[in-house]
Amino acid sequence: MSEEKKAPASRGRVAAAPLLQVDKLSKLFPVRSGPFESPRFIHAVDGVTLYVRRGETLGIVGESGSGKSTLARTILRLHEPTLGRIVFDDVDITRLPDGDLRAMRRRMQYVFQDPYSSLNPRMTVREIVSEGIAIFKLARAGAMADAMAAATLEKVGLRPDMMGRYPHELSGGQRQRVGIARALAVGPDLLACDEPVSALDVSVQAQVINLLERLQEELGLCMLFISHDLRVVQYTAHRTAVMYLGRIVEMGTTADVAEKRHHPYTRALFSAIPSLTPDGKKRLVLQGEPPSAMDPPKGCAFHPRCPSMEKGRCDVEAPTLEELVPGSHHRVACWHPEMD
């Protein structure tokens, strides 16, 4: 990926009004240790509030187990939300009945992490890309569906003559392009991209990321971009949300989050990649492992690993996600944010 590329916030047009709004969204998974035991709950997503505008990419970063993928799947109602509210294009879809949700699903599509396991090996490229077209009855005849599938493949840089091939006949990058084409074929407004390049070679990663950016600019797509790779998110996202143990601990423009790193967890994530820590910037190396999502700590979830933890406060009361500077749209959930 070229270092000369302009900042993502400067490319394309981003609508002023949010297309997606999420308010205090939570997802709990019950876990039983035995048939007669009361269930305990994994707090996979815990009170998340965010918005994304049309033409904008919101990057979601954090360690494995932080709740990134569960958040995206819950927003798209692939998991049923436990608490909170999801509004898509001014429609509250939180408890939308299946019949009404079906029509809305066409506008919200998912691009999966692994291009090897997310495609049915028994289906041809034609069948994979045309499946959604058939489900949503977007074509009246097979020839029309074929034409739509071929046009979509061309959008993602694949030749129509590949429609007769099977996934095992394709490279990893080609498979991921087929996965993107499958999502695009039904004309979505929102794409949730779950680690879409992590299984690819570095050179192919850049091609797929540039493809997603071009498609966003051409189609005005709203995108959730989940990744553990901060360099990819810096290159791709207009804004970034940092998640820890199911909660957002810092959120703002990607440039501000990368430069200011107000939350100690954000600083630790960037410190793990020396090339992203400028000379003179204080580095922070985390000790220990994240707490269990089944038994999250009281107060701030990060306090057991935080070097600035204040007893009687950080371990008692959870901070809310708030602007440090009013009007900055840069929010942090921390009692002692880093200000250097």
C-alpha atoms as a PDB file:
ATOM      1  CA  MET A   1       0.000   0.000   0.000  1.00  0.00           C
ATOM      2  CA  SER A   2       1.454   3.311  -1.081  1.00  0.00           C
ATOM      3  CA  GLU A   3       2.474   5.843   1.573  1.00  0.00           C
ATOM      4  CA  GLU A   4       1.603   8.650  -0.874  1.00  0.00           C
ATOM      5  CA  LYS A   5      -2.106   7.885  -0.899  1.00  0.00           C
ATOM      6  CA  LYS A   6      -4.217  10.747   0.351  1.00  0.00           C
ATOM      7  CA  ALA A   7      -5.971  10.434   3.710  1.00  0.00           C
ATOM      8  CA  PRO A   8      -9.222   8.490   3.482  1.00  0.00           C
ATOM      9  CA  ALA A   9     -11.197  11.347   4.987  1.00  0.00           C
ATOM     10  CA  SER A  10     -10.364  13.447   1.920  1.00  0.00           C
ATOM     11  CA  ARG A  11     -11.634  11.036  -0.718  1.00  0.00           C
ATOM     12  CA  GLY A  12     -15.157  10.786  -2.106  1.00  0.00           C
ATOM     13  CA  ARG A  13     -18.298  12.455  -0.841  1.00  0.00           C
ATOM     14  CA  VAL A  14     -19.738  11.557   2.532  1.00  0.00           C
ATOM     15  CA  ALA A  15     -23.399  12.324   3.235  1.00  0.00           C
ATOM     16  CA  ALA A  16     -24.197  14.491   6.245  1.00  0.00           C
ATOM     17  CA  ALA A  17     -27.016  12.350   7.652  1.00  0.00           C
ATOM     18  CA  PRO A  18     -26.251   8.892   9.086  1.00  0.00           C
ATOM     19  CA  LEU A  19     -27.493   5.910   7.106  1.00  0.00           C
ATOM     20  CA  LEU A  20     -26.911   3.631  10.101  1.00  0.00           C
ATOM     21  CA  GLN A  21     -27.444   4.529  13.752  1.00  0.00           C
ATOM     22  CA  VAL A  22     -26.804   2.152  16.650  1.00  0.00           C
ATOM     23  CA  ASP A  23     -27.866   3.091  20.176  1.00  0.00           C
ATOM     24  CA  LYS A  24     -26.709   1.224  23.314  1.00  0.00           C
ATOM     25  CA  LEU A  25     -26.581  -2.090  21.472  1.00  0.00           C
ATOM     26  CA  SER A  26     -25.790  -5.219  23.494  1.00  0.00           C
ATOM     27  CA  LYS A  27     -25.494  -8.889  22.617  1.00  0.00           C
ATOM     28  CA  LEU A  28     -25.318 -11.521  25.339  1.00  0.00           C
ATOM     29  CA  PHE A  29     -24.865 -15.229  24.682  1.00  0.00           C
ATOM     30  CA  PRO A  30     -26.177 -17.640  27.355  1.00  0.00           C
ATOM     31  CA  VAL A  31     -23.796 -20.414  28.459  1.00  0.00           C
ATOM     32  CA  ARG A  32     -24.872 -23.361  30.608  1.00  0.00           C
ATOM     33  CA  SER A  33     -22.365 -25.515  32.480  1.00  0.00           C
ATOM     34  CA  GLY A  34     -24.990 -28.233  33.017  1.00  0.00           C
ATOM     35  CA  PRO A  35     -28.625 -29.067  32.182  1.00  0.00           C
ATOM     36  CA  PHE A  36     -29.881 -27.913  35.596  1.00  0.00           C
ATOM     37  CA  GLU A  37     -27.618 -24.910  36.022  1.00  0.00           C
ATOM     38  CA  SER A  38     -28.789 -21.338  35.535  1.00  0.00           C
ATOM     39  CA  PRO A  39     -27.185 -19.810  32.450  1.00  0.00           C
ATOM     40  CA  ARG A  40     -24.318 -17.360  32.643  1.00  0.00           C
ATOM     41  CA  PHE A  41     -23.852 -14.802  29.907  1.00  0.00           C
ATOM     42  CA  ILE A  42     -21.005 -13.824  27.617  1.00  0.00           C
ATOM     43  CA  HIS A  43     -21.110 -10.041  27.177  1.00  0.00           C
ATOM     44  CA  ALA A  44     -19.972 -10.052  23.538  1.00  0.00           C
ATOM     45  CA  VAL A  45     -21.261  -6.529  22.779  1.00  0.00           C
ATOM     46  CA  ASP A  46     -21.939  -4.180  25.664  1.00  0.00           C
ATOM     47  CA  GLY A  47     -23.815  -0.904  25.147  1.00  0.00           C
ATOM     48  CA  VAL A  48     -22.329   0.212  21.816  1.00  0.00           C
ATOM     49  CA  THR A  49     -23.454   3.496  20.263  1.00  0.00           C
ATOM     50  CA  LEU A  50     -22.247   4.587  16.810  1.00  0.00           C
ATOM     51  CA  TYR A  51     -23.306   5.951  13.431  1.00  0.00           C
ATOM     52  CA  VAL A  52     -22.093   5.624   9.838  1.00  0.00           C
ATOM     53  CA  ARG A  53     -22.988   7.890   6.926  1.00  0.00           C
ATOM     54  CA  ARG A  54     -23.513   7.004   3.292  1.00  0.00           C
ATOM     55  CA  GLY A  55     -20.176   7.045   1.483  1.00  0.00           C
ATOM     56  CA  GLU A  56     -18.270   6.641   4.760  1.00  0.00           C
ATOM     57  CA  THR A  57     -16.142   3.811   6.142  1.00  0.00           C
ATOM     58  CA  LEU A  58     -16.090   3.188   9.887  1.00  0.00           C
ATOM     59  CA  GLY A  59     -13.112   1.045  10.879  1.00  0.00           C
ATOM     60  CA  ILE A  60     -13.587  -1.201  13.924  1.00  0.00           C
ATOM     61  CA  VAL A  61     -10.384  -2.412  15.576  1.00  0.00           C
ATOM     62  CA  GLY A  62      -9.396  -4.373  18.658  1.00  0.00           C
ATOM     63  CA  GLU A  63      -7.834  -7.599  19.853  1.00  0.00           C
ATOM     64  CA  SER A  64      -9.336 -10.979  19.049  1.00  0.00           C
ATOM     65  CA  GLY A  65     -12.391 -11.451  21.256  1.00  0.00           C
ATOM     66  CA  SER A  66     -13.103  -7.732  21.575  1.00  0.00           C
ATOM     67  CA  GLY A  67     -16.532  -8.149  19.941  1.00  0.00           C
ATOM     68  CA  LYS A  68     -15.849  -6.638  16.510  1.00  0.00           C
ATOM     69  CA  SER A  69     -17.422  -9.378  14.391  1.00  0.00           C
ATOM     70  CA  THR A  70     -20.311  -9.934  16.807  1.00  0.00           C
ATOM     71  CA  LEU A  71     -21.093  -6.228  16.663  1.00  0.00           C
ATOM     72  CA  ALA A  72     -21.266  -6.258  12.855  1.00  0.00           C
ATOM     73  CA  ARG A  73     -23.353  -9.439  12.774  1.00  0.00           C
ATOM     74  CA  THR A  74     -25.763  -8.028  15.362  1.00  0.00           C
ATOM     75  CA  ILE A  75     -26.134  -4.769  13.434  1.00  0.00           C
ATOM     76  CA  LEU A  76     -27.128  -6.777  10.347  1.00  0.00           C
ATOM     77  CA  ARG A  77     -29.467  -8.934  12.492  1.00  0.00           C
ATOM     78  CA  LEU A  78     -27.458 -12.096  11.780  1.00  0.00           C
ATOM     79  CA  HIS A  79     -27.441 -12.247  15.587  1.00  0.00           C
ATOM     80  CA  GLU A  80     -30.530 -11.067  17.405  1.00  0.00           C
ATOM     81  CA  PRO A  81     -29.762  -8.054  19.636  1.00  0.00           C
ATOM     82  CA  THR A  82     -30.304  -8.472  23.373  1.00  0.00           C
ATOM     83  CA  LEU A  83     -30.713  -4.777  24.147  1.00  0.00           C
ATOM     84  CA  GLY A  84     -30.474  -1.491  22.281  1.00  0.00           C
ATOM     85  CA  ARG A  85     -31.656  -0.088  18.996  1.00  0.00           C
ATOM     86  CA  ILE A  86     -30.585  -0.329  15.331  1.00  0.00           C
ATOM     87  CA  VAL A  87     -31.885   2.254  12.850  1.00  0.00           C
ATOM     88  CA  PHE A  88     -31.138   1.849   9.152  1.00  0.00           C
ATOM     89  CA  ASP A  89     -32.210   4.597   6.744  1.00  0.00           C
ATOM     90  CA  ASP A  90     -34.674   5.953   9.344  1.00  0.00           C
ATOM     91  CA  VAL A  91     -36.250   2.509   9.885  1.00  0.00           C
ATOM     92  CA  ASP A  92     -35.930   0.854  13.293  1.00  0.00           C
ATOM     93  CA  ILE A  93     -34.926  -2.706  12.374  1.00  0.00           C
ATOM     94  CA  THR A  94     -34.205  -3.879  15.927  1.00  0.00           C
ATOM     95  CA  ARG A  95     -37.353  -5.990  16.221  1.00  0.00           C
ATOM     96  CA  LEU A  96     -38.472  -5.909  12.596  1.00  0.00           C
ATOM     97  CA  PRO A  97     -40.494  -9.050  11.725  1.00  0.00           C
ATOM     98  CA  ASP A  98     -38.823 -11.577   9.420  1.00  0.00           C
ATOM     99  CA  GLY A  99     -41.012 -10.667   6.442  1.00  0.00           C
ATOM    100  CA  ASP A 100     -40.104  -6.984   6.634  1.00  0.00           C
ATOM    101  CA  LEU A 101     -36.501  -7.722   7.533  1.00  0.00           C
ATOM    102  CA  ARG A 102     -36.079  -9.865   4.424  1.00  0.00           C
ATOM    103  CA  ALA A 103     -36.538  -6.857   2.143  1.00  0.00           C
ATOM    104  CA  MET A 104     -34.148  -4.802   4.283  1.00  0.00           C
ATOM    105  CA  ARG A 105     -31.475  -7.511   4.140  1.00  0.00           C
ATOM    106  CA  ARG A 106     -30.951  -6.836   0.443  1.00  0.00           C
ATOM    107  CA  ARG A 107     -29.617  -3.426   1.377  1.00  0.00           C
ATOM    108  CA  MET A 108     -27.219  -4.720   4.066  1.00  0.00           C
ATOM    109  CA  GLN A 109     -24.672  -7.297   2.947  1.00  0.00           C
ATOM    110  CA  TYR A 110     -21.749  -9.082   4.585  1.00  0.00           C
ATOM    111  CA  VAL A 111     -18.293  -9.799   3.156  1.00  0.00           C
ATOM    112  CA  PHE A 112     -16.720 -12.634   5.110  1.00  0.00           C
ATOM    113  CA  GLN A 113     -13.144 -13.013   6.305  1.00  0.00           C
ATOM    114  CA  ASP A 114     -12.147 -16.302   4.743  1.00  0.00           C
ATOM    115  CA  PRO A 115     -12.579 -16.532   0.954  1.00  0.00           C
ATOM    116  CA  TYR A 116     -11.845 -20.272   1.163  1.00  0.00           C
ATOM    117  CA  SER A 117     -14.650 -21.325   3.541  1.00  0.00           C
ATOM    118  CA  SER A 118     -17.262 -18.648   2.746  1.00  0.00           C
ATOM    119  CA  LEU A 119     -17.926 -19.906  -0.806  1.00  0.00           C
ATOM    120  CA  ASN A 120     -19.823 -23.142  -1.438  1.00  0.00           C
ATOM    121  CA  PRO A 121     -17.313 -25.439  -3.212  1.00  0.00           C
ATOM    122  CA  ARG A 122     -20.147 -27.204  -5.063  1.00  0.00           C
ATOM    123  CA  MET A 123     -21.441 -24.022  -6.666  1.00  0.00           C
ATOM    124  CA  THR A 124     -20.031 -22.279  -9.725  1.00  0.00           C
ATOM    125  CA  VAL A 125     -19.190 -18.592  -9.701  1.00  0.00           C
ATOM    126  CA  ARG A 126     -22.383 -18.010 -11.706  1.00  0.00           C
ATOM    127  CA  GLU A 127     -24.487 -19.732  -9.040  1.00  0.00           C
ATOM    128  CA  ILE A 128     -22.735 -17.991  -6.150  1.00  0.00           C
ATOM    129  CA  VAL A 129     -23.156 -14.477  -7.554  1.00  0.00           C
ATOM    130  CA  SER A 130     -26.677 -15.149  -8.889  1.00  0.00           C
ATOM    131  CA  GLU A 131     -27.994 -16.668  -5.662  1.00  0.00           C
ATOM    132  CA  GLY A 132     -29.014 -13.353  -4.109  1.00  0.00           C
ATOM    133  CA  ILE A 133     -30.457 -12.143  -7.414  1.00  0.00           C
ATOM    134  CA  ALA A 134     -32.776 -15.170  -7.381  1.00  0.00           C
ATOM    135  CA  ILE A 135     -33.649 -14.913  -3.666  1.00  0.00           C
ATOM    136  CA  PHE A 136     -34.697 -11.281  -3.978  1.00  0.00           C
ATOM    137  CA  LYS A 137     -36.296 -11.830  -7.410  1.00  0.00           C
ATOM    138  CA  LEU A 138     -34.242  -9.114  -9.086  1.00  0.00           C
ATOM    139  CA  ALA A 139     -34.315 -10.774 -12.529  1.00  0.00           C
ATOM    140  CA  ARG A 140     -37.265 -12.168 -14.473  1.00  0.00           C
ATOM    141  CA  ALA A 141     -35.323 -14.809 -16.380  1.00  0.00           C
ATOM    142  CA  GLY A 142     -32.097 -16.772 -16.174  1.00  0.00           C
ATOM    143  CA  ALA A 143     -30.524 -14.804 -19.007  1.00  0.00           C
ATOM    144  CA  MET A 144     -31.183 -11.544 -17.170  1.00  0.00           C
ATOM    145  CA  ALA A 145     -29.685 -12.976 -13.966  1.00  0.00           C
ATOM    146  CA  ASP A 146     -26.612 -14.105 -15.930  1.00  0.00           C
ATOM    147  CA  ALA A 147     -26.220 -10.626 -17.374  1.00  0.00           C
ATOM    148  CA  MET A 148     -26.472  -9.046 -13.907  1.00  0.00           C
ATOM    149  CA  ALA A 149     -23.950 -11.525 -12.507  1.00  0.00           C
ATOM    150  CA  ALA A 150     -21.521 -10.906 -15.385  1.00  0.00           C
ATOM    151  CA  ALA A 151     -21.796  -7.125 -14.954  1.00  0.00           C
ATOM    152  CA  THR A 152     -21.140  -7.461 -11.220  1.00  0.00           C
ATOM    153  CA  LEU A 153     -18.079  -9.623 -11.823  1.00  0.00           C
ATOM    154  CA  GLU A 154     -16.704  -6.970 -14.157  1.00  0.00           C
ATOM    155  CA  LYS A 155     -17.176  -4.376 -11.395  1.00  0.00           C
ATOM    156  CA  VAL A 156     -14.886  -6.377  -9.130  1.00  0.00           C
ATOM    157  CA  GLY A 157     -12.297  -6.963 -11.840  1.00  0.00           C
ATOM    158  CA  LEU A 158     -13.190 -10.510 -12.911  1.00  0.00           C
ATOM    159  CA  ARG A 159     -13.938 -11.635 -16.465  1.00  0.00           C
ATOM    160  CA  PRO A 160     -17.441 -12.956 -17.223  1.00  0.00           C
ATOM    161  CA  ASP A 161     -15.892 -16.108 -18.707  1.00  0.00           C
ATOM    162  CA  MET A 162     -15.027 -17.139 -15.130  1.00  0.00           C
ATOM    163  CA  MET A 163     -18.701 -17.756 -14.350  1.00  0.00           C
ATOM    164  CA  GLY A 164     -18.393 -21.471 -15.076  1.00  0.00           C
ATOM    165  CA  ARG A 165     -15.498 -22.017 -12.667  1.00  0.00           C
ATOM    166  CA  TYR A 166     -15.636 -23.445  -9.137  1.00  0.00           C
ATOM    167  CA  PRO A 167     -13.991 -21.822  -6.088  1.00  0.00           C
ATOM    168  CA  HIS A 168     -11.113 -24.334  -6.007  1.00  0.00           C
ATOM    169  CA  GLU A 169     -10.103 -23.142  -9.472  1.00  0.00           C
ATOM    170  CA  LEU A 170      -9.561 -19.576  -8.246  1.00  0.00           C
ATOM    171  CA  SER A 171      -6.795 -17.837  -6.323  1.00  0.00           C
ATOM    172  CA  GLY A 172      -7.447 -16.379  -2.872  1.00  0.00           C
ATOM    173  CA  GLY A 173      -7.786 -12.855  -4.261  1.00  0.00           C
ATOM    174  CA  GLN A 174     -10.181 -14.015  -6.966  1.00  0.00           C
ATOM    175  CA  ARG A 175     -12.297 -15.848  -4.384  1.00  0.00           C
ATOM    176  CA  GLN A 176     -12.565 -12.738  -2.248  1.00  0.00           C
ATOM    177  CA  ARG A 177     -13.589 -10.734  -5.317  1.00  0.00           C
ATOM    178  CA  VAL A 178     -16.328 -13.329  -5.921  1.00  0.00           C
ATOM    179  CA  GLY A 179     -17.430 -12.866  -2.299  1.00  0.00           C
ATOM    180  CA  ILE A 180     -17.586  -9.113  -2.828  1.00  0.00           C
ATOM    181  CA  ALA A 181     -19.486  -9.615  -6.102  1.00  0.00           C
ATOM    182  CA  ARG A 182     -21.996 -11.852  -4.312  1.00  0.00           C
ATOM    183  CA  ALA A 183     -22.678  -9.036  -1.843  1.00  0.00           C
ATOM    184  CA  LEU A 184     -22.835  -6.322  -4.533  1.00  0.00           C
ATOM    185  CA  ALA A 185     -25.108  -8.252  -6.902  1.00  0.00           C
ATOM    186  CA  VAL A 186     -28.244  -7.353  -4.931  1.00  0.00           C
ATOM    187  CA  GLY A 187     -27.487  -3.609  -4.835  1.00  0.00           C
ATOM    188  CA  PRO A 188     -26.729  -2.991  -1.124  1.00  0.00           C
ATOM    189  CA  ASP A 189     -26.291   0.368   0.577  1.00  0.00           C
ATOM    190  CA  LEU A 190     -24.245  -1.026   3.478  1.00  0.00           C
ATOM    191  CA  LEU A 191     -21.338  -3.476   3.357  1.00  0.00           C
ATOM    192  CA  ALA A 192     -19.980  -5.058   6.530  1.00  0.00           C
ATOM    193  CA  CYS A 193     -16.466  -6.252   5.677  1.00  0.00           C
ATOM    194  CA  ASP A 194     -15.193  -8.653   8.318  1.00  0.00           C
ATOM    195  CA  GLU A 195     -11.384  -8.893   8.062  1.00  0.00           C
ATOM    196  CA  PRO A 196     -11.776  -9.042   4.261  1.00  0.00           C
ATOM    197  CA  VAL A 197      -8.033  -9.099   3.503  1.00  0.00           C
ATOM    198  CA  SER A 198      -6.478 -10.874   6.502  1.00  0.00           C
ATOM    199  CA  ALA A 199      -6.295 -14.243   4.678  1.00  0.00           C
ATOM    200  CA  LEU A 200      -4.623 -12.744   1.585  1.00  0.00           C
ATOM    201  CA  ASP A 201      -1.035 -12.033   0.596  1.00  0.00           C
ATOM    202  CA  VAL A 202       0.095  -8.446   1.199  1.00  0.00           C
ATOM    203  CA  SER A 203       0.198  -7.558  -2.505  1.00  0.00           C
ATOM    204  CA  VAL A 204      -3.319  -8.929  -2.987  1.00  0.00           C
ATOM    205  CA  GLN A 205      -4.535  -7.116   0.145  1.00  0.00           C
ATOM    206  CA  ALA A 206      -3.732  -3.769  -1.461  1.00  0.00           C
ATOM    207  CA  GLN A 207      -5.640  -4.712  -4.620  1.00  0.00           C
ATOM    208  CA  VAL A 208      -8.759  -5.737  -2.686  1.00  0.00           C
ATOM    209  CA  ILE A 209      -8.661  -2.639  -0.463  1.00  0.00           C
ATOM    210  CA  ASN A 210      -8.308  -0.363  -3.493  1.00  0.00           C
ATOM    211  CA  LEU A 211     -11.215  -2.225  -5.103  1.00  0.00           C
ATOM    212  CA  LEU A 212     -13.437  -1.627  -2.070  1.00  0.00           C
ATOM    213  CA  GLU A 213     -12.538   2.066  -2.043  1.00  0.00           C
ATOM    214  CA  ARG A 214     -13.319   2.407  -5.749  1.00  0.00           C
ATOM    215  CA  LEU A 215     -16.659   0.635  -5.322  1.00  0.00           C
ATOM    216  CA  GLN A 216     -17.513   2.885  -2.403  1.00  0.00           C
ATOM    217  CA  GLU A 217     -16.871   6.008  -4.435  1.00  0.00           C
ATOM    218  CA  GLU A 218     -18.765   4.705  -7.467  1.00  0.00           C
ATOM    219  CA  LEU A 219     -21.774   3.352  -5.555  1.00  0.00           C
ATOM    220  CA  GLY A 220     -21.859   5.597  -2.474  1.00  0.00           C
ATOM    221  CA  LEU A 221     -21.595   2.609  -0.150  1.00  0.00           C
ATOM    222  CA  CYS A 222     -21.656   2.870   3.628  1.00  0.00           C
ATOM    223  CA  MET A 223     -19.066   0.453   5.068  1.00  0.00           C
ATOM    224  CA  LEU A 224     -18.160  -1.183   8.346  1.00  0.00           C
ATOM    225  CA  PHE A 225     -14.548  -2.350   8.036  1.00  0.00           C
ATOM    226  CA  ILE A 226     -13.466  -4.786  10.751  1.00  0.00           C
ATOM    227  CA  SER A 227      -9.762  -5.454  11.134  1.00  0.00           C
ATOM    228  CA  HIS A 228      -7.060  -6.199  13.672  1.00  0.00           C
ATOM    229  CA  ASP A 229      -4.507  -4.567  11.330  1.00  0.00           C
ATOM    230  CA  LEU A 230      -4.209  -0.891  12.212  1.00  0.00           C
ATOM    231  CA  ARG A 231      -2.241  -0.121   9.062  1.00  0.00           C
ATOM    232  CA  VAL A 232      -5.093  -1.383   6.891  1.00  0.00           C
ATOM    233  CA  VAL A 233      -7.642   0.647   8.861  1.00  0.00           C
ATOM    234  CA  GLN A 234      -5.526   3.808   8.668  1.00  0.00           C
ATOM    235  CA  TYR A 235      -5.395   3.383   4.914  1.00  0.00           C
ATOM    236  CA  THR A 236      -9.105   2.644   4.516  1.00  0.00           C
ATOM    237  CA  ALA A 237     -11.369   4.181   7.158  1.00  0.00           C
ATOM    238  CA  HIS A 238     -12.675   7.722   7.473  1.00  0.00           C
ATOM    239  CA  ARG A 239     -13.399   7.173  11.176  1.00  0.00           C
ATOM    240  CA  THR A 240     -12.220   4.494  13.598  1.00  0.00           C
ATOM    241  CA  ALA A 241     -13.815   2.873  16.657  1.00  0.00           C
ATOM    242  CA  VAL A 242     -11.558   1.000  19.093  1.00  0.00           C
ATOM    243  CA  MET A 243     -13.257  -1.894  20.910  1.00  0.00           C
ATOM    244  CA  TYR A 244     -12.261  -3.607  24.117  1.00  0.00           C
ATOM    245  CA  LEU A 245     -14.270  -6.391  25.760  1.00  0.00           C
ATOM    246  CA  GLY A 246     -17.431  -5.532  23.832  1.00  0.00           C
ATOM    247  CA  ARG A 247     -17.288  -1.775  24.379  1.00  0.00           C
ATOM    248  CA  ILE A 248     -16.052   1.157  22.313  1.00  0.00           C
ATOM    249  CA  VAL A 249     -13.309   2.907  24.284  1.00  0.00           C
ATOM    250  CA  GLU A 250     -12.284   5.516  21.688  1.00  0.00           C
ATOM    251  CA  MET A 251     -13.841   6.785  18.462  1.00  0.00           C
ATOM    252  CA  GLY A 252     -13.090   9.647  16.103  1.00  0.00           C
ATOM    253  CA  THR A 253     -11.633  10.451  12.728  1.00  0.00           C
ATOM    254  CA  THR A 254      -8.979   7.913  11.820  1.00  0.00           C
ATOM    255  CA  ALA A 255      -6.331  10.630  11.739  1.00  0.00           C
ATOM    256  CA  ASP A 256      -7.238  11.852  15.245  1.00  0.00           C
ATOM    257  CA  VAL A 257      -7.402   8.373  16.771  1.00  0.00           C
ATOM    258  CA  ALA A 258      -4.045   7.428  15.224  1.00  0.00           C
ATOM    259  CA  GLU A 259      -2.350  10.663  16.297  1.00  0.00           C
ATOM    260  CA  LYS A 260      -3.872  11.433  19.708  1.00  0.00           C
ATOM    261  CA  ARG A 261      -4.451   7.943  21.149  1.00  0.00           C
ATOM    262  CA  HIS A 262      -6.211   9.274  24.228  1.00  0.00           C
ATOM    263  CA  HIS A 263      -7.220   5.865  25.603  1.00  0.00           C
ATOM    264  CA  PRO A 264      -4.334   3.762  26.980  1.00  0.00           C
ATOM    265  CA  TYR A 265      -5.658   0.720  25.125  1.00  0.00           C
ATOM    266  CA  THR A 266      -5.541   2.624  21.834  1.00  0.00           C
ATOM    267  CA  ARG A 267      -1.955   3.622  22.636  1.00  0.00           C
ATOM    268  CA  ALA A 268      -1.071   0.003  23.376  1.00  0.00           C
ATOM    269  CA  LEU A 269      -2.533  -1.199  20.067  1.00  0.00           C
ATOM    270  CA  PHE A 270      -0.464   1.309  18.101  1.00  0.00           C
ATOM    271  CA  SER A 271       2.619   0.639  20.234  1.00  0.00           C
ATOM    272  CA  ALA A 272       2.483  -3.015  19.190  1.00  0.00           C
ATOM    273  CA  ILE A 273       3.449  -1.861  15.676  1.00  0.00           C
ATOM    274  CA  PRO A 274       6.650   0.224  15.978  1.00  0.00           C
ATOM    275  CA  SER A 275       6.239   1.717  12.496  1.00  0.00           C
ATOM    276  CA  LEU A 276       3.013   3.364  13.688  1.00  0.00           C
ATOM    277  CA  THR A 277       4.614   4.954  16.745  1.00  0.00           C
ATOM    278  CA  PRO A 278       6.423   8.211  15.799  1.00  0.00           C
ATOM    279  CA  ASP A 279       9.679   9.127  17.506  1.00  0.00           C
ATOM    280  CA  GLY A 280       8.978  10.841  20.806  1.00  0.00           C
ATOM    281  CA  LYS A 281       5.491   9.318  21.148  1.00  0.00           C
ATOM    282  CA  LYS A 282       5.041   7.498  24.444  1.00  0.00           C
ATOM    283  CA  ARG A 283       4.737   3.731  23.912  1.00  0.00           C
ATOM    284  CA  LEU A 284       2.691   1.396  26.088  1.00  0.00           C
ATOM    285  CA  VAL A 285       3.143  -2.360  26.277  1.00  0.00           C
ATOM    286  CA  LEU A 286       0.177  -4.225  27.743  1.00  0.00           C
ATOM    287  CA  GLN A 287       0.635  -6.830  30.445  1.00  0.00           C
ATOM    288  CA  GLY A 288      -1.638  -9.824  30.934  1.00  0.00           C
ATOM    289  CA  GLU A 289      -4.641 -11.044  28.952  1.00  0.00           C
ATOM    290  CA  PRO A 290      -8.097  -9.510  28.442  1.00  0.00           C
ATOM    291  CA  PRO A 291     -10.603 -10.470  31.163  1.00  0.00           C
ATOM    292  CA  SER A 292     -13.303 -13.029  30.463  1.00  0.00           C
ATOM    293  CA  ALA A 293     -16.374 -11.667  28.684  1.00  0.00           C
ATOM    294  CA  MET A 294     -18.393 -14.049  30.873  1.00  0.00           C
ATOM    295  CA  ASP A 295     -17.192 -12.308  34.013  1.00  0.00           C
ATOM    296  CA  PRO A 296     -16.211  -8.760  33.039  1.00  0.00           C
ATOM    297  CA  PRO A 297     -14.577  -6.626  35.738  1.00  0.00           C
ATOM    298  CA  LYS A 298     -16.516  -3.948  37.544  1.00  0.00           C
ATOM    299  CA  GLY A 299     -15.942  -0.347  36.576  1.00  0.00           C
ATOM    300  CA  CYS A 300     -13.765   0.239  33.528  1.00  0.00           C
ATOM    301  CA  ALA A 301     -13.263  -3.066  31.707  1.00  0.00           C
ATOM    302  CA  PHE A 302      -9.653  -2.106  30.946  1.00  0.00           C
ATOM    303  CA  HIS A 303      -8.622  -1.253  34.510  1.00  0.00           C
ATOM    304  CA  PRO A 304      -6.915  -4.612  35.350  1.00  0.00           C
ATOM    305  CA  ARG A 305      -4.357  -3.910  32.582  1.00  0.00           C
ATOM    306  CA  CYS A 306      -4.192  -0.123  32.763  1.00  0.00           C
ATOM    307  CA  PRO A 307      -1.043   1.614  34.068  1.00  0.00           C
ATOM    308  CA  SER A 308      -3.117   4.666  35.090  1.00  0.00           C
ATOM    309  CA  MET A 309      -5.720   2.738  37.089  1.00  0.00           C
ATOM    310  CA  GLU A 310      -7.088   4.673  40.075  1.00  0.00           C
ATOM    311  CA  LYS A 311      -8.364   2.464  42.891  1.00  0.00           C
ATOM    312  CA  GLY A 312     -11.822   3.374  44.114  1.00  0.00           C
ATOM    313  CA  ARG A 313     -12.760   4.902  40.796  1.00  0.00           C
ATOM    314  CA  CYS A 314     -11.594   2.952  37.731  1.00  0.00           C
ATOM    315  CA  ASP A 315     -12.452  -0.360  39.418  1.00  0.00           C
ATOM    316  CA  VAL A 316     -15.838   0.871  40.613  1.00  0.00           C
ATOM    317  CA  GLU A 317     -17.455   3.095  37.983  1.00  0.00           C
ATOM    318  CA  ALA A 318     -17.402   2.597  34.197  1.00  0.00           C
ATOM    319  CA  PRO A 319     -16.554   5.776  32.242  1.00  0.00           C
ATOM    320  CA  THR A 320     -18.888   6.855  29.457  1.00  0.00           C
ATOM    321  CA  LEU A 321     -17.819   7.543  25.873  1.00  0.00           C
ATOM    322  CA  GLU A 322     -17.583  11.349  25.782  1.00  0.00           C
ATOM    323  CA  GLU A 323     -15.871  14.149  23.864  1.00  0.00           C
ATOM    324  CA  LEU A 324     -12.799  15.557  25.568  1.00  0.00           C
ATOM    325  CA  VAL A 325     -13.185  18.730  23.505  1.00  0.00           C
ATOM    326  CA  PRO A 326     -16.824  19.689  22.834  1.00  0.00           C
ATOM    327  CA  GLY A 327     -17.618  19.597  19.129  1.00  0.00           C
ATOM    328  CA  SER A 328     -14.533  17.544  18.236  1.00  0.00           C
ATOM    329  CA  HIS A 329     -16.489  14.311  17.606  1.00  0.00           C
ATOM    330  CA  HIS A 330     -13.525  12.479  19.165  1.00  0.00           C
ATOM    331  CA  ARG A 331     -14.902  10.416  22.037  1.00  0.00           C
ATOM    332  CA  VAL A 332     -13.040   8.523  24.756  1.00  0.00           C
ATOM    333  CA  ALA A 333     -14.221   6.303  27.625  1.00  0.00           C
ATOM    334  CA  CYS A 334     -11.478   6.816  30.206  1.00  0.00           C
ATOM    335  CA  TRP A 335     -11.098   8.490  33.605  1.00  0.00           C
ATOM    336  CA  HIS A 336      -7.449   9.359  32.913  1.00  0.00           C
ATOM    337  CA  PRO A 337      -7.015   9.847  29.139  1.00  0.00           C
ATOM    338  CA  GLU A 338      -3.542  10.378  27.724  1.00  0.00           C
ATOM    339  CA  MET A 339      -3.137  13.995  26.635  1.00  0.00           C
ATOM    340  CA  ASP A 340       0.508  14.241  25.483  1.00  0.00           C
END
